[in-house]
Amino acid sequence: MIILKSQREIEVMRQAGAIVAGALKAVERLIAPGIPSRELDRIAKEYIINCDAIPAFKGYEGFPANICVSVNDQVIHGIPGARVLEEGDIAGVDIGVLFGGYYADAANTYPVGKISAKALELIDTAKGAFFEGIRFAGPDYRLSDISHAIQQYTEKRGFSVVKKYVGHGIGMDMHEKPPVPNYGLPGRGLRLQKGMTLAIEPMINEKGDEVKLMDDGWTVLTKDGGLSAHFEHTIAISDDGPIILTLEG
């Protein structure tokens, strides 16, 4: 069942989203060669708790950390730890927050020092694919119009979209219906409605779209060792188009 949100609920999600955005900004300020990923986790946790919110990922289906930090060929769900970021790395940071009974979720991929032109293009493509997708996030469209736009934008730039993992509805649960793929034919699936809240998250690979799971049971890698970039916002569908909820207040 698709759960439509009231204006009041969307405002609470916007508050949760502002905390996510602030936590991402706090992490971004620290990203540099020589910092261990567990320090990013610590700073994000501290920021979220100081905002009277709860890190949503900690303990979610057993996830052991407060945020996800996915480096280079790690696509998503990287577990922060002793790994030290190095010059030329790219680091995908995914943060979720529970506030006032509602969730918000966002991600961005950051350069560590000076990175290659190809890596920078990959990061820019993940972000651009998100914004291309939400051009179709309104009541006049169907869900797969978002998916199709993301795929077309990405593939025209010579990259691939991950198909095994997708975006999702979000609200009082971290993962609600519907799933939101980053690929597919246009004009398919349910019609978008005012009050739908979605976490749209292009996961873009430098090379092929196939992925594999590490032995830790969480970290997803590109199968061919190519780089991967992740970009995500929580949005609400309105009569006037999408409202991005995970922006700083």
Protein backbone atom coordinates (compact mmCIF):
# COMPACT_ATOMS: atom_id res chain seq x y z
CA MET A 1 0.00 0.00 0.00
CA ILE A 2 1.23 3.49 -0.89
CA ILE A 3 1.00 5.81 2.14
CA LEU A 4 0.21 9.40 1.17
CA LYS A 5 1.45 12.01 3.62
CA SER A 6 -0.41 15.06 4.90
CA GLN A 7 1.14 18.52 4.81
CA ARG A 8 1.87 18.19 8.54
CA GLU A 9 3.68 14.90 8.02
CA ILE A 10 5.70 16.34 5.15
CA GLU A 11 6.76 19.24 7.37
CA VAL A 12 8.03 16.80 10.01
CA MET A 13 9.92 14.93 7.29
CA ARG A 14 11.38 18.25 6.15
CA GLN A 15 12.71 18.78 9.70
CA ALA A 16 14.20 15.28 9.67
CA GLY A 17 15.65 16.02 6.25
CA ALA A 18 17.29 19.23 7.44
CA ILE A 19 19.09 17.19 10.11
CA VAL A 20 20.29 14.74 7.45
CA ALA A 21 21.55 17.65 5.35
CA GLY A 22 23.37 19.15 8.32
CA ALA A 23 24.98 15.82 9.16
CA LEU A 24 26.18 15.42 5.58
CA LYS A 25 27.66 18.92 5.69
CA ALA A 26 29.43 18.14 8.97
CA VAL A 27 30.93 15.00 7.40
CA GLU A 28 31.88 16.79 4.18
CA ARG A 29 33.97 19.32 6.13
CA LEU A 30 36.08 16.45 7.50
CA ILE A 31 36.66 14.50 4.30
CA ALA A 32 40.35 14.67 3.44
CA PRO A 33 43.28 12.31 2.91
CA GLY A 34 44.29 10.66 6.18
CA ILE A 35 40.94 10.55 7.96
CA PRO A 36 39.55 7.12 8.98
CA SER A 37 35.98 6.49 7.91
CA ARG A 38 34.96 5.72 11.50
CA GLU A 39 35.64 9.38 12.36
CA LEU A 40 33.01 10.39 9.81
CA ASP A 41 30.61 8.02 11.53
CA ARG A 42 31.39 9.55 14.93
CA ILE A 43 30.86 13.12 13.76
CA ALA A 44 27.57 12.29 12.03
CA LYS A 45 26.27 10.49 15.12
CA GLU A 46 27.22 13.40 17.36
CA TYR A 47 25.51 15.90 15.05
CA ILE A 48 22.30 13.87 14.77
CA ILE A 49 22.00 13.24 18.51
CA ASN A 50 22.63 16.92 19.24
CA CYS A 51 19.60 17.65 17.05
CA ASP A 52 17.45 15.37 19.24
CA ALA A 53 17.18 12.85 16.43
CA ILE A 54 18.21 9.20 16.04
CA PRO A 55 20.71 7.79 13.52
CA ALA A 56 18.35 5.62 11.49
CA PHE A 57 20.84 3.08 10.17
CA LYS A 58 22.31 1.92 13.47
CA GLY A 59 20.89 -1.55 14.15
CA TYR A 60 18.60 -1.43 11.10
CA GLU A 61 18.34 -5.12 10.16
CA GLY A 62 21.59 -5.46 12.10
CA PHE A 63 23.65 -2.75 10.38
CA PRO A 64 26.56 -2.02 12.75
CA ALA A 65 27.21 1.70 12.12
CA ASN A 66 25.42 5.05 12.19
CA ILE A 67 26.06 5.95 8.56
CA CYS A 68 27.32 4.27 5.39
CA VAL A 69 30.70 5.23 3.92
CA SER A 70 31.36 3.54 0.57
CA VAL A 71 34.79 4.12 -0.98
CA ASN A 72 35.80 3.81 -4.65
CA ASP A 73 34.36 0.49 -5.93
CA GLN A 74 32.02 0.19 -2.96
CA VAL A 75 28.54 1.00 -4.28
CA ILE A 76 26.48 1.27 -1.08
CA HIS A 77 26.29 0.08 2.54
CA GLY A 78 30.00 0.47 3.27
CA ILE A 79 30.67 0.03 7.00
CA PRO A 80 32.82 2.81 8.52
CA GLY A 81 35.88 1.54 10.33
CA ALA A 82 39.66 1.76 10.37
CA ARG A 83 40.01 2.35 6.61
CA VAL A 84 41.81 5.65 6.03
CA LEU A 85 40.71 7.81 3.10
CA GLU A 86 43.50 8.44 0.60
CA GLU A 87 44.22 11.12 -1.97
CA GLY A 88 42.26 10.36 -5.14
CA ASP A 89 39.54 8.29 -3.43
CA ILE A 90 35.86 9.02 -3.78
CA ALA A 91 33.63 8.45 -0.74
CA GLY A 92 29.88 7.92 -0.89
CA VAL A 93 28.22 8.95 2.37
CA ASP A 94 24.64 7.85 3.08
CA ILE A 95 22.81 9.16 6.16
CA GLY A 96 19.35 8.44 7.53
CA VAL A 97 17.59 10.09 10.46
CA LEU A 98 14.50 9.35 12.55
CA PHE A 99 12.90 12.49 13.95
CA GLY A 100 9.38 13.03 15.26
CA GLY A 101 8.38 9.54 14.16
CA TYR A 102 9.43 10.04 10.52
CA TYR A 103 12.49 9.14 8.48
CA ALA A 104 14.59 11.06 5.98
CA ASP A 105 17.46 9.71 3.90
CA ALA A 106 20.09 11.29 1.64
CA ALA A 107 23.50 10.55 0.18
CA ASN A 108 26.30 12.26 -1.69
CA THR A 109 29.67 11.20 -3.07
CA TYR A 110 32.69 13.37 -2.25
CA PRO A 111 36.18 13.68 -3.69
CA VAL A 112 39.07 12.99 -1.33
CA GLY A 113 41.69 15.57 -2.26
CA LYS A 114 42.43 15.74 -5.97
CA ILE A 115 40.63 13.07 -8.00
CA SER A 116 40.75 11.99 -11.64
CA ALA A 117 38.65 13.71 -14.29
CA LYS A 118 36.77 10.44 -14.82
CA ALA A 119 35.92 10.14 -11.12
CA LEU A 120 34.70 13.74 -11.04
CA GLU A 121 32.55 13.12 -14.11
CA LEU A 122 31.07 10.04 -12.43
CA ILE A 123 30.15 12.03 -9.30
CA ASP A 124 28.62 14.79 -11.42
CA THR A 125 26.64 12.23 -13.40
CA ALA A 126 25.11 10.67 -10.28
CA LYS A 127 23.97 14.11 -9.11
CA GLY A 128 22.79 15.12 -12.56
CA ALA A 129 20.84 11.87 -12.97
CA PHE A 130 18.92 12.59 -9.77
CA PHE A 131 17.91 16.05 -10.94
CA GLU A 132 17.03 14.75 -14.40
CA GLY A 133 14.84 12.10 -12.79
CA ILE A 134 12.89 14.45 -10.57
CA ARG A 135 11.91 16.55 -13.58
CA PHE A 136 9.31 13.80 -13.94
CA ALA A 137 8.32 13.65 -10.26
CA GLY A 138 4.85 15.15 -10.51
CA PRO A 139 1.20 14.08 -10.70
CA ASP A 140 1.26 14.12 -14.52
CA TYR A 141 3.79 11.27 -14.63
CA ARG A 142 4.23 7.61 -13.74
CA LEU A 143 6.91 6.19 -11.49
CA SER A 144 8.92 4.68 -14.33
CA ASP A 145 9.24 8.09 -15.99
CA ILE A 146 11.67 8.97 -13.19
CA SER A 147 13.48 5.65 -13.63
CA HIS A 148 13.77 6.02 -17.40
CA ALA A 149 15.10 9.56 -17.18
CA ILE A 150 17.83 8.52 -14.75
CA GLN A 151 18.93 5.64 -16.96
CA GLN A 152 18.94 7.67 -20.17
CA TYR A 153 20.90 10.52 -18.61
CA THR A 154 23.48 8.12 -17.18
CA GLU A 155 24.00 5.93 -20.22
CA LYS A 156 24.35 8.90 -22.56
CA ARG A 157 27.39 9.85 -20.49
CA GLY A 158 28.95 6.41 -20.85
CA PHE A 159 28.18 5.10 -17.36
CA SER A 160 25.80 2.42 -16.07
CA VAL A 161 23.04 2.34 -13.46
CA VAL A 162 22.93 -0.33 -10.77
CA LYS A 163 19.82 -2.46 -11.25
CA LYS A 164 20.03 -4.78 -8.25
CA TYR A 165 19.43 -1.98 -5.71
CA VAL A 166 16.78 0.74 -5.99
CA GLY A 167 15.26 3.74 -4.27
CA HIS A 168 12.15 3.47 -2.12
CA GLY A 169 9.17 5.08 -0.49
CA ILE A 170 9.86 6.54 2.93
CA GLY A 171 7.90 7.93 5.87
CA MET A 172 7.10 6.33 9.21
CA ASP A 173 9.23 3.42 7.97
CA MET A 174 12.65 3.72 6.38
CA HIS A 175 11.55 1.57 3.45
CA GLU A 176 7.96 1.90 2.28
CA LYS A 177 6.35 1.08 -1.03
CA PRO A 178 6.95 1.74 -3.85
CA PRO A 179 10.43 0.64 -4.92
CA VAL A 180 11.98 3.24 -7.24
CA PRO A 181 14.31 1.66 -9.83
CA ASN A 182 16.91 3.75 -11.67
CA TYR A 183 16.13 2.11 -15.01
CA GLY A 184 13.20 1.03 -17.14
CA LEU A 185 10.76 2.02 -19.86
CA PRO A 186 8.74 5.23 -19.46
CA GLY A 187 4.99 5.35 -18.84
CA ARG A 188 4.88 2.25 -16.63
CA GLY A 189 3.92 1.61 -13.03
CA LEU A 190 1.77 3.63 -10.69
CA ARG A 191 0.77 7.20 -11.33
CA LEU A 192 2.49 9.67 -9.03
CA GLN A 193 0.24 11.41 -6.52
CA LYS A 194 0.44 14.42 -4.24
CA GLY A 195 1.61 13.30 -0.80
CA MET A 196 3.88 10.48 -1.97
CA THR A 197 7.33 10.64 -0.37
CA LEU A 198 10.23 8.92 -2.10
CA ALA A 199 13.95 8.40 -1.59
CA ILE A 200 15.35 8.64 -5.11
CA GLU A 201 18.94 7.44 -5.30
CA PRO A 202 20.88 6.90 -8.50
CA MET A 203 23.77 4.47 -7.97
CA ILE A 204 26.06 4.96 -10.95
CA ASN A 205 28.98 2.75 -11.97
CA GLU A 206 32.01 3.73 -14.00
CA LYS A 207 31.93 0.45 -15.93
CA GLY A 208 29.35 -2.36 -15.87
CA ASP A 209 26.21 -2.47 -13.74
CA GLU A 210 26.86 -5.82 -12.05
CA VAL A 211 27.59 -5.87 -8.32
CA LYS A 212 28.60 -8.33 -5.62
CA LEU A 213 28.25 -8.53 -1.84
CA MET A 214 31.29 -8.58 0.45
CA ASP A 215 31.70 -11.20 3.16
CA ASP A 216 30.59 -8.67 5.78
CA GLY A 217 27.05 -9.17 4.46
CA TRP A 218 26.53 -5.45 3.83
CA THR A 219 29.06 -3.77 1.58
CA VAL A 220 28.12 -3.89 -2.10
CA LEU A 221 30.98 -3.71 -4.64
CA THR A 222 31.12 -3.26 -8.39
CA LYS A 223 31.83 -6.68 -9.87
CA ASP A 224 34.46 -5.34 -12.28
CA GLY A 225 36.28 -3.10 -9.79
CA GLY A 226 35.18 0.15 -11.42
CA LEU A 227 34.30 3.20 -9.35
CA SER A 228 30.75 3.88 -8.16
CA ALA A 229 28.96 7.08 -7.10
CA HIS A 230 25.74 7.48 -5.11
CA PHE A 231 23.45 10.51 -4.87
CA GLU A 232 20.14 10.61 -2.99
CA HIS A 233 17.47 12.94 -1.66
CA THR A 234 14.13 12.38 -0.01
CA ILE A 235 11.39 14.16 -1.96
CA ALA A 236 7.65 14.78 -1.66
CA ILE A 237 5.33 14.90 -4.64
CA SER A 238 3.21 18.05 -4.77
CA ASP A 239 0.81 19.54 -7.31
CA ASP A 240 3.66 21.86 -8.31
CA GLY A 241 6.26 19.12 -8.70
CA PRO A 242 8.88 17.63 -6.36
CA ILE A 243 9.85 19.15 -3.01
CA ILE A 244 13.32 18.13 -1.86
CA LEU A 245 13.03 17.48 1.87
CA THR A 246 16.68 16.76 2.65
CA LEU A 247 18.02 20.27 2.33
CA GLU A 248 19.49 22.42 5.07
CA GLY A 249 16.86 24.55 6.76
